[in-house]
Amino acid sequence: MVAAEGVAGGTAVTIEVGKSTPAPWGGPLRLHVVAAPARGGHSNLSLKIVGQAGEVCNSLVVNGRQPSAPTFVMASAEGRKVESGAFQFG
């Protein structure tokens, strides 16, 4: 299950009884990573999961449980590993 918050200007949807109605939101989901400068020459990374209508996911549950935190690897232009870690929920 994914819970998300919509964005201003979202598309209104009319759902009629007995008919299938495609939803203009949800997957495919995109990951947005933003880096911001921090003290000591470090950076803070933030991760957003965004749906096709621009909605931002605020909860993610797989098989009744929160999945493991996403991990990342930073590499140089030559492909050498510079740093790695995991994002934290919340």
PDB file of N, CA and C in Angstrom:
ATOM      1  N   MET A   1       0.831  -1.166   0.000  1.00  0.00           N
ATOM      2  CA  MET A   1       0.000   0.000   0.000  1.00  0.00           C
ATOM      3  C   MET A   1       0.880   1.235   0.000  1.00  0.00           C
ATOM      4  N   VAL A   2       0.480   2.215  -0.773  1.00  0.00           N
ATOM      5  CA  VAL A   2       1.173   3.498  -0.805  1.00  0.00           C
ATOM      6  C   VAL A   2       0.164   4.575  -0.468  1.00  0.00           C
ATOM      7  N   ALA A   3       0.492   5.429   0.487  1.00  0.00           N
ATOM      8  CA  ALA A   3      -0.344   6.586   0.791  1.00  0.00           C
ATOM      9  C   ALA A   3       0.385   7.814   0.277  1.00  0.00           C
ATOM     10  N   ALA A   4      -0.360   8.725  -0.329  1.00  0.00           N
ATOM     11  CA  ALA A   4       0.265   9.909  -0.912  1.00  0.00           C
ATOM     12  C   ALA A   4      -0.623  11.122  -0.709  1.00  0.00           C
ATOM     13  N   GLU A   5      -0.005  12.291  -0.790  1.00  0.00           N
ATOM     14  CA  GLU A   5      -0.743  13.545  -0.739  1.00  0.00           C
ATOM     15  C   GLU A   5      -0.697  14.186  -2.111  1.00  0.00           C
ATOM     16  N   GLY A   6      -1.855  14.641  -2.579  1.00  0.00           N
ATOM     17  CA  GLY A   6      -1.937  15.266  -3.886  1.00  0.00           C
ATOM     18  C   GLY A   6      -1.325  16.656  -3.893  1.00  0.00           C
ATOM     19  N   VAL A   7      -1.278  17.225  -5.062  1.00  0.00           N
ATOM     20  CA  VAL A   7      -0.728  18.565  -5.243  1.00  0.00           C
ATOM     21  C   VAL A   7      -1.834  19.510  -5.672  1.00  0.00           C
ATOM     22  N   ALA A   8      -1.633  20.790  -5.438  1.00  0.00           N
ATOM     23  CA  ALA A   8      -2.612  21.792  -5.860  1.00  0.00           C
ATOM     24  C   ALA A   8      -2.803  21.700  -7.375  1.00  0.00           C
ATOM     25  N   GLY A   9      -4.024  21.870  -7.815  1.00  0.00           N
ATOM     26  CA  GLY A   9      -4.302  21.828  -9.251  1.00  0.00           C
ATOM     27  C   GLY A   9      -4.444  20.421  -9.792  1.00  0.00           C
ATOM     28  N   GLY A  10      -4.632  19.447  -8.901  1.00  0.00           N
ATOM     29  CA  GLY A  10      -4.782  18.059  -9.339  1.00  0.00           C
ATOM     30  C   GLY A  10      -6.012  17.876 -10.207  1.00  0.00           C
ATOM     31  N   THR A  11      -6.049  16.786 -10.931  1.00  0.00           N
ATOM     32  CA  THR A  11      -7.137  16.492 -11.849  1.00  0.00           C
ATOM     33  C   THR A  11      -8.315  15.869 -11.105  1.00  0.00           C
ATOM     34  N   ALA A  12      -9.519  16.384 -11.337  1.00  0.00           N
ATOM     35  CA  ALA A  12     -10.728  15.802 -10.757  1.00  0.00           C
ATOM     36  C   ALA A  12     -11.087  14.541 -11.534  1.00  0.00           C
ATOM     37  N   VAL A  13     -11.583  13.531 -10.822  1.00  0.00           N
ATOM     38  CA  VAL A  13     -11.942  12.265 -11.451  1.00  0.00           C
ATOM     39  C   VAL A  13     -13.390  11.944 -11.096  1.00  0.00           C
ATOM     40  N   THR A  14     -14.176  11.555 -12.090  1.00  0.00           N
ATOM     41  CA  THR A  14     -15.547  11.118 -11.854  1.00  0.00           C
ATOM     42  C   THR A  14     -15.578   9.602 -11.961  1.00  0.00           C
ATOM     43  N   ILE A  15     -16.073   8.956 -10.916  1.00  0.00           N
ATOM     44  CA  ILE A  15     -16.159   7.499 -10.894  1.00  0.00           C
ATOM     45  C   ILE A  15     -17.630   7.127 -10.957  1.00  0.00           C
ATOM     46  N   GLU A  16     -17.984   6.353 -11.974  1.00  0.00           N
ATOM     47  CA  GLU A  16     -19.370   5.944 -12.164  1.00  0.00           C
ATOM     48  C   GLU A  16     -19.548   4.495 -11.729  1.00  0.00           C
ATOM     49  N   VAL A  17     -20.690   4.224 -11.097  1.00  0.00           N
ATOM     50  CA  VAL A  17     -21.004   2.881 -10.626  1.00  0.00           C
ATOM     51  C   VAL A  17     -20.990   1.904 -11.797  1.00  0.00           C
ATOM     52  N   GLY A  18     -20.322   0.779 -11.618  1.00  0.00           N
ATOM     53  CA  GLY A  18     -20.312  -0.270 -12.631  1.00  0.00           C
ATOM     54  C   GLY A  18     -19.339  -0.055 -13.774  1.00  0.00           C
ATOM     55  N   LYS A  19     -18.556   1.017 -13.743  1.00  0.00           N
ATOM     56  CA  LYS A  19     -17.599   1.283 -14.812  1.00  0.00           C
ATOM     57  C   LYS A  19     -16.181   1.351 -14.248  1.00  0.00           C
ATOM     58  N   SER A  20     -15.218   0.923 -15.065  1.00  0.00           N
ATOM     59  CA  SER A  20     -13.816   1.068 -14.682  1.00  0.00           C
ATOM     60  C   SER A  20     -13.369   2.491 -14.983  1.00  0.00           C
ATOM     61  N   THR A  21     -12.627   3.065 -14.069  1.00  0.00           N
ATOM     62  CA  THR A  21     -12.137   4.428 -14.251  1.00  0.00           C
ATOM     63  C   THR A  21     -10.636   4.450 -13.998  1.00  0.00           C
ATOM     64  N   PRO A  22      -9.841   4.741 -15.033  1.00  0.00           N
ATOM     65  CA  PRO A  22      -8.390   4.807 -14.806  1.00  0.00           C
ATOM     66  C   PRO A  22      -8.048   5.980 -13.882  1.00  0.00           C
ATOM     67  N   ALA A  23      -7.136   5.752 -12.964  1.00  0.00           N
ATOM     68  CA  ALA A  23      -6.717   6.801 -12.030  1.00  0.00           C
ATOM     69  C   ALA A  23      -5.539   7.569 -12.634  1.00  0.00           C
ATOM     70  N   PRO A  24      -5.602   8.908 -12.605  1.00  0.00           N
ATOM     71  CA  PRO A  24      -4.518   9.707 -13.170  1.00  0.00           C
ATOM     72  C   PRO A  24      -3.364   9.915 -12.187  1.00  0.00           C
ATOM     73  N   TRP A  25      -3.248   9.078 -11.182  1.00  0.00           N
ATOM     74  CA  TRP A  25      -2.172   9.187 -10.201  1.00  0.00           C
ATOM     75  C   TRP A  25      -1.602   7.793  -9.952  1.00  0.00           C
ATOM     76  N   GLY A  26      -0.620   7.702  -9.098  1.00  0.00           N
ATOM     77  CA  GLY A  26       0.003   6.413  -8.782  1.00  0.00           C
ATOM     78  C   GLY A  26       1.189   6.137  -9.683  1.00  0.00           C
ATOM     79  N   GLY A  27       1.443   4.852  -9.929  1.00  0.00           N
ATOM     80  CA  GLY A  27       2.620   4.442 -10.702  1.00  0.00           C
ATOM     81  C   GLY A  27       2.518   4.809 -12.167  1.00  0.00           C
ATOM     82  N   PRO A  28       3.647   4.878 -12.812  1.00  0.00           N
ATOM     83  CA  PRO A  28       4.951   4.540 -12.255  1.00  0.00           C
ATOM     84  C   PRO A  28       5.429   5.601 -11.254  1.00  0.00           C
ATOM     85  N   LEU A  29       6.077   5.140 -10.204  1.00  0.00           N
ATOM     86  CA  LEU A  29       6.619   6.048  -9.193  1.00  0.00           C
ATOM     87  C   LEU A  29       8.045   6.431  -9.571  1.00  0.00           C
ATOM     88  N   ARG A  30       8.402   7.675  -9.272  1.00  0.00           N
ATOM     89  CA  ARG A  30       9.761   8.175  -9.547  1.00  0.00           C
ATOM     90  C   ARG A  30      10.418   8.523  -8.219  1.00  0.00           C
ATOM     91  N   LEU A  31      11.710   8.323  -8.153  1.00  0.00           N
ATOM     92  CA  LEU A  31      12.483   8.707  -6.972  1.00  0.00           C
ATOM     93  C   LEU A  31      13.186  10.018  -7.259  1.00  0.00           C
ATOM     94  N   HIS A  32      13.036  10.977  -6.358  1.00  0.00           N
ATOM     95  CA  HIS A  32      13.711  12.269  -6.477  1.00  0.00           C
ATOM     96  C   HIS A  32      14.676  12.390  -5.306  1.00  0.00           C
ATOM     97  N   VAL A  33      15.949  12.551  -5.616  1.00  0.00           N
ATOM     98  CA  VAL A  33      16.966  12.737  -4.582  1.00  0.00           C
ATOM     99  C   VAL A  33      17.501  14.158  -4.706  1.00  0.00           C
ATOM    100  N   VAL A  34      17.536  14.865  -3.567  1.00  0.00           N
ATOM    101  CA  VAL A  34      18.038  16.243  -3.533  1.00  0.00           C
ATOM    102  C   VAL A  34      19.198  16.295  -2.548  1.00  0.00           C
ATOM    103  N   ALA A  35      20.297  16.918  -2.967  1.00  0.00           N
ATOM    104  CA  ALA A  35      21.465  17.102  -2.094  1.00  0.00           C
ATOM    105  C   ALA A  35      21.534  18.562  -1.676  1.00  0.00           C
ATOM    106  N   ALA A  36      21.763  18.798  -0.383  1.00  0.00           N
ATOM    107  CA  ALA A  36      21.902  20.155   0.148  1.00  0.00           C
ATOM    108  C   ALA A  36      23.210  20.223   0.937  1.00  0.00           C
ATOM    109  N   PRO A  37      23.934  21.339   0.818  1.00  0.00           N
ATOM    110  CA  PRO A  37      25.197  21.468   1.551  1.00  0.00           C
ATOM    111  C   PRO A  37      24.985  21.382   3.060  1.00  0.00           C
ATOM    112  N   ALA A  38      25.941  20.764   3.732  1.00  0.00           N
ATOM    113  CA  ALA A  38      25.925  20.658   5.189  1.00  0.00           C
ATOM    114  C   ALA A  38      27.313  21.043   5.706  1.00  0.00           C
ATOM    115  N   ARG A  39      27.455  21.065   7.000  1.00  0.00           N
ATOM    116  CA  ARG A  39      28.736  21.457   7.610  1.00  0.00           C
ATOM    117  C   ARG A  39      29.857  20.499   7.246  1.00  0.00           C
ATOM    118  N   GLY A  40      31.070  21.017   7.274  1.00  0.00           N
ATOM    119  CA  GLY A  40      32.249  20.185   7.071  1.00  0.00           C
ATOM    120  C   GLY A  40      32.414  19.640   5.673  1.00  0.00           C
ATOM    121  N   GLY A  41      31.822  20.306   4.702  1.00  0.00           N
ATOM    122  CA  GLY A  41      31.960  19.853   3.318  1.00  0.00           C
ATOM    123  C   GLY A  41      31.098  18.649   2.976  1.00  0.00           C
ATOM    124  N   HIS A  42      30.180  18.280   3.857  1.00  0.00           N
ATOM    125  CA  HIS A  42      29.288  17.150   3.617  1.00  0.00           C
ATOM    126  C   HIS A  42      28.009  17.633   2.939  1.00  0.00           C
ATOM    127  N   SER A  43      27.174  16.690   2.574  1.00  0.00           N
ATOM    128  CA  SER A  43      25.869  16.997   1.992  1.00  0.00           C
ATOM    129  C   SER A  43      24.794  16.204   2.716  1.00  0.00           C
ATOM    130  N   ASN A  44      23.615  16.787   2.811  1.00  0.00           N
ATOM    131  CA  ASN A  44      22.439  16.070   3.298  1.00  0.00           C
ATOM    132  C   ASN A  44      21.631  15.652   2.078  1.00  0.00           C
ATOM    133  N   LEU A  45      21.225  14.393   2.043  1.00  0.00           N
ATOM    134  CA  LEU A  45      20.416  13.889   0.941  1.00  0.00           C
ATOM    135  C   LEU A  45      18.990  13.672   1.426  1.00  0.00           C
ATOM    136  N   SER A  46      18.028  14.014   0.595  1.00  0.00           N
ATOM    137  CA  SER A  46      16.629  13.708   0.904  1.00  0.00           C
ATOM    138  C   SER A  46      16.031  12.968  -0.285  1.00  0.00           C
ATOM    139  N   LEU A  47      15.104  12.075   0.008  1.00  0.00           N
ATOM    140  CA  LEU A  47      14.493  11.235  -1.014  1.00  0.00           C
ATOM    141  C   LEU A  47      12.983  11.430  -0.978  1.00  0.00           C
ATOM    142  N   LYS A  48      12.395  11.651  -2.146  1.00  0.00           N
ATOM    143  CA  LYS A  48      10.935  11.723  -2.274  1.00  0.00           C
ATOM    144  C   LYS A  48      10.510  10.682  -3.293  1.00  0.00           C
ATOM    145  N   ILE A  49       9.387  10.028  -3.012  1.00  0.00           N
ATOM    146  CA  ILE A  49       8.777   9.102  -3.963  1.00  0.00           C
ATOM    147  C   ILE A  49       7.566   9.835  -4.532  1.00  0.00           C
ATOM    148  N   VAL A  50       7.557  10.029  -5.844  1.00  0.00           N
ATOM    149  CA  VAL A  50       6.552  10.880  -6.494  1.00  0.00           C
ATOM    150  C   VAL A  50       5.793  10.080  -7.553  1.00  0.00           C
ATOM    151  N   GLY A  51       4.469  10.208  -7.537  1.00  0.00           N
ATOM    152  CA  GLY A  51       3.613   9.532  -8.508  1.00  0.00           C
ATOM    153  C   GLY A  51       3.478  10.325  -9.790  1.00  0.00           C
ATOM    154  N   GLN A  52       2.803   9.740 -10.760  1.00  0.00           N
ATOM    155  CA  GLN A  52       2.708  10.341 -12.094  1.00  0.00           C
ATOM    156  C   GLN A  52       1.948  11.662 -12.137  1.00  0.00           C
ATOM    157  N   ALA A  53       1.134  11.963 -11.122  1.00  0.00           N
ATOM    158  CA  ALA A  53       0.414  13.240 -11.090  1.00  0.00           C
ATOM    159  C   ALA A  53       1.125  14.261 -10.197  1.00  0.00           C
ATOM    160  N   GLY A  54       2.337  13.909  -9.723  1.00  0.00           N
ATOM    161  CA  GLY A  54       3.082  14.820  -8.860  1.00  0.00           C
ATOM    162  C   GLY A  54       2.803  14.624  -7.386  1.00  0.00           C
ATOM    163  N   GLU A  55       1.968  13.638  -7.032  1.00  0.00           N
ATOM    164  CA  GLU A  55       1.671  13.390  -5.626  1.00  0.00           C
ATOM    165  C   GLU A  55       2.910  12.809  -4.930  1.00  0.00           C
ATOM    166  N   VAL A  56       3.104  13.225  -3.687  1.00  0.00           N
ATOM    167  CA  VAL A  56       4.270  12.786  -2.917  1.00  0.00           C
ATOM    168  C   VAL A  56       3.832  11.693  -1.943  1.00  0.00           C
ATOM    169  N   CYS A  57       4.468  10.537  -2.023  1.00  0.00           N
ATOM    170  CA  CYS A  57       4.130   9.419  -1.147  1.00  0.00           C
ATOM    171  C   CYS A  57       4.621   9.716   0.264  1.00  0.00           C
ATOM    172  N   ASN A  58       3.761   9.493   1.238  1.00  0.00           N
ATOM    173  CA  ASN A  58       4.139   9.741   2.625  1.00  0.00           C
ATOM    174  C   ASN A  58       4.098   8.485   3.471  1.00  0.00           C
ATOM    175  N   SER A  59       3.750   7.359   2.855  1.00  0.00           N
ATOM    176  CA  SER A  59       3.733   6.086   3.564  1.00  0.00           C
ATOM    177  C   SER A  59       3.884   4.971   2.543  1.00  0.00           C
ATOM    178  N   LEU A  60       4.678   3.977   2.872  1.00  0.00           N
ATOM    179  CA  LEU A  60       4.904   2.857   1.963  1.00  0.00           C
ATOM    180  C   LEU A  60       4.886   1.577   2.784  1.00  0.00           C
ATOM    181  N   VAL A  61       4.005   0.636   2.424  1.00  0.00           N
ATOM    182  CA  VAL A  61       3.881  -0.634   3.129  1.00  0.00           C
ATOM    183  C   VAL A  61       3.875  -1.749   2.090  1.00  0.00           C
ATOM    184  N   VAL A  62       4.712  -2.756   2.290  1.00  0.00           N
ATOM    185  CA  VAL A  62       4.788  -3.899   1.390  1.00  0.00           C
ATOM    186  C   VAL A  62       4.513  -5.154   2.212  1.00  0.00           C
ATOM    187  N   ASN A  63       3.494  -5.901   1.813  1.00  0.00           N
ATOM    188  CA  ASN A  63       3.103  -7.115   2.553  1.00  0.00           C
ATOM    189  C   ASN A  63       2.899  -6.822   4.034  1.00  0.00           C
ATOM    190  N   GLY A  64       2.271  -5.695   4.346  1.00  0.00           N
ATOM    191  CA  GLY A  64       1.942  -5.353   5.719  1.00  0.00           C
ATOM    192  C   GLY A  64       3.074  -4.765   6.542  1.00  0.00           C
ATOM    193  N   ARG A  65       4.228  -4.531   5.937  1.00  0.00           N
ATOM    194  CA  ARG A  65       5.378  -4.016   6.695  1.00  0.00           C
ATOM    195  C   ARG A  65       6.062  -2.884   5.928  1.00  0.00           C
ATOM    196  N   GLN A  66       6.690  -2.008   6.671  1.00  0.00           N
ATOM    197  CA  GLN A  66       7.489  -0.965   6.038  1.00  0.00           C
ATOM    198  C   GLN A  66       8.757  -1.633   5.496  1.00  0.00           C
ATOM    199  N   PRO A  67       9.093  -1.398   4.228  1.00  0.00           N
ATOM    200  CA  PRO A  67      10.283  -2.037   3.663  1.00  0.00           C
ATOM    201  C   PRO A  67      11.566  -1.475   4.269  1.00  0.00           C
ATOM    202  N   SER A  68      12.659  -2.148   4.013  1.00  0.00           N
ATOM    203  CA  SER A  68      13.964  -1.653   4.452  1.00  0.00           C
ATOM    204  C   SER A  68      14.217  -0.287   3.842  1.00  0.00           C
ATOM    205  N   ALA A  69      14.996   0.520   4.552  1.00  0.00           N
ATOM    206  CA  ALA A  69      15.319   1.858   4.053  1.00  0.00           C
ATOM    207  C   ALA A  69      16.093   1.746   2.735  1.00  0.00           C
ATOM    208  N   PRO A  70      15.785   2.614   1.774  1.00  0.00           N
ATOM    209  CA  PRO A  70      16.523   2.603   0.510  1.00  0.00           C
ATOM    210  C   PRO A  70      17.991   2.947   0.754  1.00  0.00           C
ATOM    211  N   THR A  71      18.861   2.330  -0.010  1.00  0.00           N
ATOM    212  CA  THR A  71      20.297   2.597   0.102  1.00  0.00           C
ATOM    213  C   THR A  71      20.775   3.372  -1.116  1.00  0.00           C
ATOM    214  N   PHE A  72      21.955   3.963  -1.006  1.00  0.00           N
ATOM    215  CA  PHE A  72      22.532   4.706  -2.124  1.00  0.00           C
ATOM    216  C   PHE A  72      24.045   4.494  -2.161  1.00  0.00           C
ATOM    217  N   VAL A  73      24.609   4.707  -3.332  1.00  0.00           N
ATOM    218  CA  VAL A  73      26.057   4.699  -3.529  1.00  0.00           C
ATOM    219  C   VAL A  73      26.396   5.930  -4.349  1.00  0.00           C
ATOM    220  N   MET A  74      27.349   6.727  -3.879  1.00  0.00           N
ATOM    221  CA  MET A  74      27.840   7.877  -4.638  1.00  0.00           C
ATOM    222  C   MET A  74      29.146   7.449  -5.303  1.00  0.00           C
ATOM    223  N   ALA A  75      29.287   7.792  -6.564  1.00  0.00           N
ATOM    224  CA  ALA A  75      30.471   7.397  -7.313  1.00  0.00           C
ATOM    225  C   ALA A  75      31.060   8.591  -8.046  1.00  0.00           C
ATOM    226  N   SER A  76      32.346   8.523  -8.298  1.00  0.00           N
ATOM    227  CA  SER A  76      33.024   9.560  -9.079  1.00  0.00           C
ATOM    228  C   SER A  76      32.645   9.384 -10.542  1.00  0.00           C
ATOM    229  N   ALA A  77      33.028  10.342 -11.368  1.00  0.00           N
ATOM    230  CA  ALA A  77      32.750  10.260 -12.801  1.00  0.00           C
ATOM    231  C   ALA A  77      33.386   9.009 -13.414  1.00  0.00           C
ATOM    232  N   GLU A  78      34.445   8.520 -12.784  1.00  0.00           N
ATOM    233  CA  GLU A  78      35.134   7.328 -13.278  1.00  0.00           C
ATOM    234  C   GLU A  78      34.499   6.040 -12.770  1.00  0.00           C
ATOM    235  N   GLY A  79      33.481   6.155 -11.899  1.00  0.00           N
ATOM    236  CA  GLY A  79      32.798   4.992 -11.380  1.00  0.00           C
ATOM    237  C   GLY A  79      33.349   4.474 -10.062  1.00  0.00           C
ATOM    238  N   ARG A  80      34.295   5.190  -9.459  1.00  0.00           N
ATOM    239  CA  ARG A  80      34.869   4.778  -8.175  1.00  0.00           C
ATOM    240  C   ARG A  80      33.921   5.161  -7.050  1.00  0.00           C
ATOM    241  N   LYS A  81      33.670   4.218  -6.129  1.00  0.00           N
ATOM    242  CA  LYS A  81      32.777   4.472  -4.995  1.00  0.00           C
ATOM    243  C   LYS A  81      33.383   5.534  -4.092  1.00  0.00           C
ATOM    244  N   VAL A  82      32.605   6.584  -3.810  1.00  0.00           N
ATOM    245  CA  VAL A  82      33.046   7.677  -2.944  1.00  0.00           C
ATOM    246  C   VAL A  82      32.393   7.562  -1.564  1.00  0.00           C
ATOM    247  N   GLU A  83      31.116   7.227  -1.545  1.00  0.00           N
ATOM    248  CA  GLU A  83      30.358   7.145  -0.291  1.00  0.00           C
ATOM    249  C   GLU A  83      29.157   6.244  -0.509  1.00  0.00           C
ATOM    250  N   SER A  84      28.618   5.700   0.569  1.00  0.00           N
ATOM    251  CA  SER A  84      27.383   4.922   0.491  1.00  0.00           C
ATOM    252  C   SER A  84      26.652   5.066   1.817  1.00  0.00           C
ATOM    253  N   GLY A  85      25.398   4.700   1.834  1.00  0.00           N
ATOM    254  CA  GLY A  85      24.610   4.801   3.050  1.00  0.00           C
ATOM    255  C   GLY A  85      23.169   4.407   2.814  1.00  0.00           C
ATOM    256  N   ALA A  86      22.327   4.719   3.773  1.00  0.00           N
ATOM    257  CA  ALA A  86      20.898   4.417   3.690  1.00  0.00           C
ATOM    258  C   ALA A  86      20.104   5.646   4.085  1.00  0.00           C
ATOM    259  N   PHE A  87      18.983   5.849   3.414  1.00  0.00           N
ATOM    260  CA  PHE A  87      18.066   6.920   3.807  1.00  0.00           C
ATOM    261  C   PHE A  87      17.338   6.484   5.065  1.00  0.00           C
ATOM    262  N   GLN A  88      16.822   7.449   5.823  1.00  0.00           N
ATOM    263  CA  GLN A  88      16.052   7.152   7.018  1.00  0.00           C
ATOM    264  C   GLN A  88      14.616   7.592   6.799  1.00  0.00           C
ATOM    265  N   PHE A  89      13.667   6.763   7.220  1.00  0.00           N
ATOM    266  CA  PHE A  89      12.260   7.134   7.108  1.00  0.00           C
ATOM    267  C   PHE A  89      11.957   8.240   8.107  1.00  0.00           C
ATOM    268  N   GLY A  90      11.092   9.179   7.689  1.00  0.00           N
ATOM    269  CA  GLY A  90      10.664  10.243   8.589  1.00  0.00           C
ATOM    270  C   GLY A  90      11.577  11.331   8.551  1.00  0.00           C
TER     271      GLY A  90
END
